[in-house]
Amino acid sequence: MSESISLDVTGMKCGGCETNVKKKLDAMDGVVSVEAMHKENKVNVEFDSAVTNVEAISQAITDAGFVVG
């Protein structure tokens, strides 16, 4: 089942940061689409909840060097 979330993410300063977050999440099983917006400090993710979850997505963003929340 597909779900969408919008996360507040700080630490993204440019398009390169957006690309890093997008690449990290796109590599995850179950992630359908990612939109990262550094100016709004937002990351929108569509994902298959049968395969992954919000906690795993948040951890991947944290692992990429950014702060979720």
PDB file of N, CA and C in Angstrom:
ATOM      1  N   MET A   1       0.842  -1.185   0.000  1.00  0.00           N
ATOM      2  CA  MET A   1       0.000   0.000   0.000  1.00  0.00           C
ATOM      3  C   MET A   1       0.884   1.244   0.000  1.00  0.00           C
ATOM      4  N   SER A   2       0.609   2.150  -0.891  1.00  0.00           N
ATOM      5  CA  SER A   2       1.412   3.355  -1.028  1.00  0.00           C
ATOM      6  C   SER A   2       0.964   4.423  -0.036  1.00  0.00           C
ATOM      7  N   GLU A   3       1.952   5.031   0.631  1.00  0.00           N
ATOM      8  CA  GLU A   3       1.699   6.128   1.558  1.00  0.00           C
ATOM      9  C   GLU A   3       2.602   7.288   1.192  1.00  0.00           C
ATOM     10  N   SER A   4       2.206   8.491   1.603  1.00  0.00           N
ATOM     11  CA  SER A   4       3.032   9.678   1.393  1.00  0.00           C
ATOM     12  C   SER A   4       3.258  10.372   2.726  1.00  0.00           C
ATOM     13  N   ILE A   5       4.483  10.873   2.924  1.00  0.00           N
ATOM     14  CA  ILE A   5       4.804  11.636   4.119  1.00  0.00           C
ATOM     15  C   ILE A   5       5.565  12.887   3.711  1.00  0.00           C
ATOM     16  N   SER A   6       5.474  13.893   4.552  1.00  0.00           N
ATOM     17  CA  SER A   6       6.254  15.111   4.386  1.00  0.00           C
ATOM     18  C   SER A   6       7.041  15.300   5.673  1.00  0.00           C
ATOM     19  N   LEU A   7       8.359  15.305   5.553  1.00  0.00           N
ATOM     20  CA  LEU A   7       9.223  15.416   6.725  1.00  0.00           C
ATOM     21  C   LEU A   7       9.927  16.769   6.739  1.00  0.00           C
ATOM     22  N   ASP A   8      10.051  17.356   7.933  1.00  0.00           N
ATOM     23  CA  ASP A   8      10.864  18.552   8.110  1.00  0.00           C
ATOM     24  C   ASP A   8      12.313  18.089   8.234  1.00  0.00           C
ATOM     25  N   VAL A   9      13.177  18.600   7.364  1.00  0.00           N
ATOM     26  CA  VAL A   9      14.582  18.193   7.353  1.00  0.00           C
ATOM     27  C   VAL A   9      15.452  19.441   7.343  1.00  0.00           C
ATOM     28  N   THR A  10      16.319  19.571   8.341  1.00  0.00           N
ATOM     29  CA  THR A  10      17.230  20.712   8.387  1.00  0.00           C
ATOM     30  C   THR A  10      18.630  20.256   8.011  1.00  0.00           C
ATOM     31  N   GLY A  11      19.410  21.219   7.541  1.00  0.00           N
ATOM     32  CA  GLY A  11      20.786  20.941   7.149  1.00  0.00           C
ATOM     33  C   GLY A  11      20.996  20.932   5.653  1.00  0.00           C
ATOM     34  N   MET A  12      19.916  20.870   4.872  1.00  0.00           N
ATOM     35  CA  MET A  12      20.055  20.938   3.417  1.00  0.00           C
ATOM     36  C   MET A  12      20.263  22.397   3.027  1.00  0.00           C
ATOM     37  N   LYS A  13      21.379  22.672   2.349  1.00  0.00           N
ATOM     38  CA  LYS A  13      21.713  24.058   2.023  1.00  0.00           C
ATOM     39  C   LYS A  13      21.660  24.379   0.531  1.00  0.00           C
ATOM     40  N   CYS A  14      21.581  23.325  -0.313  1.00  0.00           N
ATOM     41  CA  CYS A  14      21.671  23.573  -1.758  1.00  0.00           C
ATOM     42  C   CYS A  14      21.080  22.404  -2.537  1.00  0.00           C
ATOM     43  N   GLY A  15      21.106  22.539  -3.832  1.00  0.00           N
ATOM     44  CA  GLY A  15      20.623  21.475  -4.692  1.00  0.00           C
ATOM     45  C   GLY A  15      21.417  20.189  -4.539  1.00  0.00           C
ATOM     46  N   GLY A  16      22.700  20.310  -4.221  1.00  0.00           N
ATOM     47  CA  GLY A  16      23.526  19.128  -4.006  1.00  0.00           C
ATOM     48  C   GLY A  16      23.042  18.329  -2.801  1.00  0.00           C
ATOM     49  N   CYS A  17      22.633  19.040  -1.752  1.00  0.00           N
ATOM     50  CA  CYS A  17      22.077  18.375  -0.567  1.00  0.00           C
ATOM     51  C   CYS A  17      20.785  17.650  -0.934  1.00  0.00           C
ATOM     52  N   GLU A  18      19.959  18.300  -1.727  1.00  0.00           N
ATOM     53  CA  GLU A  18      18.715  17.680  -2.187  1.00  0.00           C
ATOM     54  C   GLU A  18      19.026  16.388  -2.942  1.00  0.00           C
ATOM     55  N   THR A  19      20.029  16.446  -3.812  1.00  0.00           N
ATOM     56  CA  THR A  19      20.418  15.281  -4.594  1.00  0.00           C
ATOM     57  C   THR A  19      20.907  14.159  -3.691  1.00  0.00           C
ATOM     58  N   ASN A  20      21.693  14.493  -2.667  1.00  0.00           N
ATOM     59  CA  ASN A  20      22.186  13.470  -1.737  1.00  0.00           C
ATOM     60  C   ASN A  20      21.038  12.760  -1.039  1.00  0.00           C
ATOM     61  N   VAL A  21      20.059  13.524  -0.559  1.00  0.00           N
ATOM     62  CA  VAL A  21      18.903  12.926   0.115  1.00  0.00           C
ATOM     63  C   VAL A  21      18.123  12.058  -0.874  1.00  0.00           C
ATOM     64  N   LYS A  22      17.906  12.591  -2.056  1.00  0.00           N
ATOM     65  CA  LYS A  22      17.138  11.850  -3.067  1.00  0.00           C
ATOM     66  C   LYS A  22      17.816  10.532  -3.426  1.00  0.00           C
ATOM     67  N   LYS A  23      19.131  10.557  -3.650  1.00  0.00           N
ATOM     68  CA  LYS A  23      19.865   9.336  -3.995  1.00  0.00           C
ATOM     69  C   LYS A  23      19.783   8.308  -2.864  1.00  0.00           C
ATOM     70  N   LYS A  24      19.939   8.771  -1.631  1.00  0.00           N
ATOM     71  CA  LYS A  24      19.904   7.864  -0.476  1.00  0.00           C
ATOM     72  C   LYS A  24      18.542   7.184  -0.372  1.00  0.00           C
ATOM     73  N   LEU A  25      17.476   7.953  -0.540  1.00  0.00           N
ATOM     74  CA  LEU A  25      16.138   7.387  -0.408  1.00  0.00           C
ATOM     75  C   LEU A  25      15.740   6.567  -1.631  1.00  0.00           C
ATOM     76  N   ASP A  26      16.128   7.014  -2.817  1.00  0.00           N
ATOM     77  CA  ASP A  26      15.810   6.256  -4.039  1.00  0.00           C
ATOM     78  C   ASP A  26      16.436   4.861  -4.007  1.00  0.00           C
ATOM     79  N   ALA A  27      17.540   4.712  -3.285  1.00  0.00           N
ATOM     80  CA  ALA A  27      18.222   3.421  -3.197  1.00  0.00           C
ATOM     81  C   ALA A  27      17.501   2.447  -2.257  1.00  0.00           C
ATOM     82  N   MET A  28      16.559   2.936  -1.488  1.00  0.00           N
ATOM     83  CA  MET A  28      15.845   2.084  -0.536  1.00  0.00           C
ATOM     84  C   MET A  28      14.737   1.294  -1.213  1.00  0.00           C
ATOM     85  N   ASP A  29      14.617   0.032  -0.832  1.00  0.00           N
ATOM     86  CA  ASP A  29      13.490  -0.778  -1.301  1.00  0.00           C
ATOM     87  C   ASP A  29      12.202  -0.184  -0.750  1.00  0.00           C
ATOM     88  N   GLY A  30      11.202  -0.083  -1.606  1.00  0.00           N
ATOM     89  CA  GLY A  30       9.900   0.396  -1.179  1.00  0.00           C
ATOM     90  C   GLY A  30       9.648   1.877  -1.396  1.00  0.00           C
ATOM     91  N   VAL A  31      10.704   2.647  -1.674  1.00  0.00           N
ATOM     92  CA  VAL A  31      10.521   4.075  -1.931  1.00  0.00           C
ATOM     93  C   VAL A  31      10.103   4.256  -3.384  1.00  0.00           C
ATOM     94  N   VAL A  32       8.971   4.936  -3.578  1.00  0.00           N
ATOM     95  CA  VAL A  32       8.410   5.134  -4.908  1.00  0.00           C
ATOM     96  C   VAL A  32       8.898   6.449  -5.519  1.00  0.00           C
ATOM     97  N   SER A  33       8.853   7.537  -4.732  1.00  0.00           N
ATOM     98  CA  SER A  33       9.306   8.835  -5.231  1.00  0.00           C
ATOM     99  C   SER A  33       9.776   9.703  -4.075  1.00  0.00           C
ATOM    100  N   VAL A  34      10.668  10.649  -4.417  1.00  0.00           N
ATOM    101  CA  VAL A  34      11.237  11.555  -3.419  1.00  0.00           C
ATOM    102  C   VAL A  34      11.277  12.953  -4.005  1.00  0.00           C
ATOM    103  N   GLU A  35      10.868  13.926  -3.210  1.00  0.00           N
ATOM    104  CA  GLU A  35      11.027  15.337  -3.565  1.00  0.00           C
ATOM    105  C   GLU A  35      11.680  16.022  -2.380  1.00  0.00           C
ATOM    106  N   ALA A  36      12.911  16.523  -2.566  1.00  0.00           N
ATOM    107  CA  ALA A  36      13.636  17.229  -1.509  1.00  0.00           C
ATOM    108  C   ALA A  36      13.715  18.705  -1.881  1.00  0.00           C
ATOM    109  N   MET A  37      13.396  19.563  -0.926  1.00  0.00           N
ATOM    110  CA  MET A  37      13.369  21.008  -1.165  1.00  0.00           C
ATOM    111  C   MET A  37      14.128  21.721  -0.046  1.00  0.00           C
ATOM    112  N   HIS A  38      15.366  22.135  -0.358  1.00  0.00           N
ATOM    113  CA  HIS A  38      16.185  22.737   0.696  1.00  0.00           C
ATOM    114  C   HIS A  38      15.654  24.091   1.166  1.00  0.00           C
ATOM    115  N   LYS A  39      15.052  24.865   0.284  1.00  0.00           N
ATOM    116  CA  LYS A  39      14.546  26.179   0.684  1.00  0.00           C
ATOM    117  C   LYS A  39      13.379  26.075   1.655  1.00  0.00           C
ATOM    118  N   GLU A  40      12.596  25.014   1.532  1.00  0.00           N
ATOM    119  CA  GLU A  40      11.452  24.793   2.422  1.00  0.00           C
ATOM    120  C   GLU A  40      11.790  23.864   3.589  1.00  0.00           C
ATOM    121  N   ASN A  41      13.008  23.298   3.589  1.00  0.00           N
ATOM    122  CA  ASN A  41      13.406  22.310   4.607  1.00  0.00           C
ATOM    123  C   ASN A  41      12.416  21.159   4.680  1.00  0.00           C
ATOM    124  N   LYS A  42      12.013  20.652   3.507  1.00  0.00           N
ATOM    125  CA  LYS A  42      11.024  19.570   3.424  1.00  0.00           C
ATOM    126  C   LYS A  42      11.527  18.452   2.520  1.00  0.00           C
ATOM    127  N   VAL A  43      11.134  17.243   2.878  1.00  0.00           N
ATOM    128  CA  VAL A  43      11.334  16.088   2.016  1.00  0.00           C
ATOM    129  C   VAL A  43      10.009  15.349   1.959  1.00  0.00           C
ATOM    130  N   ASN A  44       9.468  15.213   0.760  1.00  0.00           N
ATOM    131  CA  ASN A  44       8.231  14.466   0.548  1.00  0.00           C
ATOM    132  C   ASN A  44       8.591  13.106  -0.025  1.00  0.00           C
ATOM    133  N   VAL A  45       8.029  12.064   0.573  1.00  0.00           N
ATOM    134  CA  VAL A  45       8.363  10.706   0.157  1.00  0.00           C
ATOM    135  C   VAL A  45       7.083   9.900  -0.033  1.00  0.00           C
ATOM    136  N   GLU A  46       6.995   9.231  -1.167  1.00  0.00           N
ATOM    137  CA  GLU A  46       5.940   8.247  -1.388  1.00  0.00           C
ATOM    138  C   GLU A  46       6.609   6.886  -1.281  1.00  0.00           C
ATOM    139  N   PHE A  47       6.011   5.992  -0.491  1.00  0.00           N
ATOM    140  CA  PHE A  47       6.636   4.705  -0.244  1.00  0.00           C
ATOM    141  C   PHE A  47       5.598   3.609  -0.064  1.00  0.00           C
ATOM    142  N   ASP A  48       6.047   2.379  -0.231  1.00  0.00           N
ATOM    143  CA  ASP A  48       5.211   1.196  -0.038  1.00  0.00           C
ATOM    144  C   ASP A  48       5.353   0.777   1.415  1.00  0.00           C
ATOM    145  N   SER A  49       4.291   0.943   2.199  1.00  0.00           N
ATOM    146  CA  SER A  49       4.345   0.671   3.634  1.00  0.00           C
ATOM    147  C   SER A  49       4.486  -0.808   3.954  1.00  0.00           C
ATOM    148  N   ALA A  50       4.310  -1.669   2.959  1.00  0.00           N
ATOM    149  CA  ALA A  50       4.531  -3.100   3.163  1.00  0.00           C
ATOM    150  C   ALA A  50       6.018  -3.443   3.096  1.00  0.00           C
ATOM    151  N   VAL A  51       6.826  -2.500   2.587  1.00  0.00           N
ATOM    152  CA  VAL A  51       8.250  -2.758   2.379  1.00  0.00           C
ATOM    153  C   VAL A  51       9.134  -1.934   3.311  1.00  0.00           C
ATOM    154  N   THR A  52       8.771  -0.681   3.556  1.00  0.00           N
ATOM    155  CA  THR A  52       9.569   0.197   4.419  1.00  0.00           C
ATOM    156  C   THR A  52       8.635   1.032   5.281  1.00  0.00           C
ATOM    157  N   ASN A  53       9.227   1.866   6.149  1.00  0.00           N
ATOM    158  CA  ASN A  53       8.414   2.670   7.059  1.00  0.00           C
ATOM    159  C   ASN A  53       9.064   4.030   7.310  1.00  0.00           C
ATOM    160  N   VAL A  54       8.336   4.876   8.019  1.00  0.00           N
ATOM    161  CA  VAL A  54       8.802   6.244   8.274  1.00  0.00           C
ATOM    162  C   VAL A  54      10.112   6.233   9.060  1.00  0.00           C
ATOM    163  N   GLU A  55      10.243   5.323  10.015  1.00  0.00           N
ATOM    164  CA  GLU A  55      11.454   5.266  10.830  1.00  0.00           C
ATOM    165  C   GLU A  55      12.685   4.965   9.968  1.00  0.00           C
ATOM    166  N   ALA A  56      12.563   4.022   9.046  1.00  0.00           N
ATOM    167  CA  ALA A  56      13.682   3.671   8.170  1.00  0.00           C
ATOM    168  C   ALA A  56      14.031   4.834   7.239  1.00  0.00           C
ATOM    169  N   ILE A  57      13.017   5.518   6.745  1.00  0.00           N
ATOM    170  CA  ILE A  57      13.233   6.670   5.869  1.00  0.00           C
ATOM    171  C   ILE A  57      13.934   7.783   6.641  1.00  0.00           C
ATOM    172  N   SER A  58      13.464   8.069   7.846  1.00  0.00           N
ATOM    173  CA  SER A  58      14.080   9.095   8.689  1.00  0.00           C
ATOM    174  C   SER A  58      15.530   8.743   8.999  1.00  0.00           C
ATOM    175  N   GLN A  59      15.796   7.472   9.284  1.00  0.00           N
ATOM    176  CA  GLN A  59      17.154   7.042   9.595  1.00  0.00           C
ATOM    177  C   GLN A  59      18.062   7.213   8.386  1.00  0.00           C
ATOM    178  N   ALA A  60      17.571   6.929   7.196  1.00  0.00           N
ATOM    179  CA  ALA A  60      18.373   7.100   5.980  1.00  0.00           C
ATOM    180  C   ALA A  60      18.735   8.565   5.769  1.00  0.00           C
ATOM    181  N   ILE A  61      17.803   9.466   6.057  1.00  0.00           N
ATOM    182  CA  ILE A  61      18.083  10.902   5.931  1.00  0.00           C
ATOM    183  C   ILE A  61      19.117  11.320   6.961  1.00  0.00           C
ATOM    184  N   THR A  62      18.985  10.815   8.187  1.00  0.00           N
ATOM    185  CA  THR A  62      19.963  11.099   9.243  1.00  0.00           C
ATOM    186  C   THR A  62      21.336  10.566   8.863  1.00  0.00           C
ATOM    187  N   ASP A  63      21.375   9.352   8.307  1.00  0.00           N
ATOM    188  CA  ASP A  63      22.634   8.753   7.868  1.00  0.00           C
ATOM    189  C   ASP A  63      23.305   9.569   6.761  1.00  0.00           C
ATOM    190  N   ALA A  64      22.495  10.294   5.992  1.00  0.00           N
ATOM    191  CA  ALA A  64      23.022  11.149   4.920  1.00  0.00           C
ATOM    192  C   ALA A  64      23.584  12.465   5.480  1.00  0.00           C
ATOM    193  N   GLY A  65      23.392  12.699   6.791  1.00  0.00           N
ATOM    194  CA  GLY A  65      23.979  13.879   7.426  1.00  0.00           C
ATOM    195  C   GLY A  65      23.014  15.013   7.708  1.00  0.00           C
ATOM    196  N   PHE A  66      21.724  14.733   7.659  1.00  0.00           N
ATOM    197  CA  PHE A  66      20.733  15.786   7.884  1.00  0.00           C
ATOM    198  C   PHE A  66      19.874  15.457   9.101  1.00  0.00           C
ATOM    199  N   VAL A  67      19.145  16.437   9.575  1.00  0.00           N
ATOM    200  CA  VAL A  67      18.343  16.279  10.793  1.00  0.00           C
ATOM    201  C   VAL A  67      16.865  16.256  10.441  1.00  0.00           C
ATOM    202  N   VAL A  68      16.191  15.203  10.876  1.00  0.00           N
ATOM    203  CA  VAL A  68      14.757  15.064  10.653  1.00  0.00           C
ATOM    204  C   VAL A  68      14.028  15.523  11.916  1.00  0.00           C
ATOM    205  N   GLY A  69      12.997  16.368  11.710  1.00  0.00           N
ATOM    206  CA  GLY A  69      12.208  16.766  12.864  1.00  0.00           C
ATOM    207  C   GLY A  69      12.059  18.182  13.057  1.00  0.00           C
TER     208      GLY A  69
END
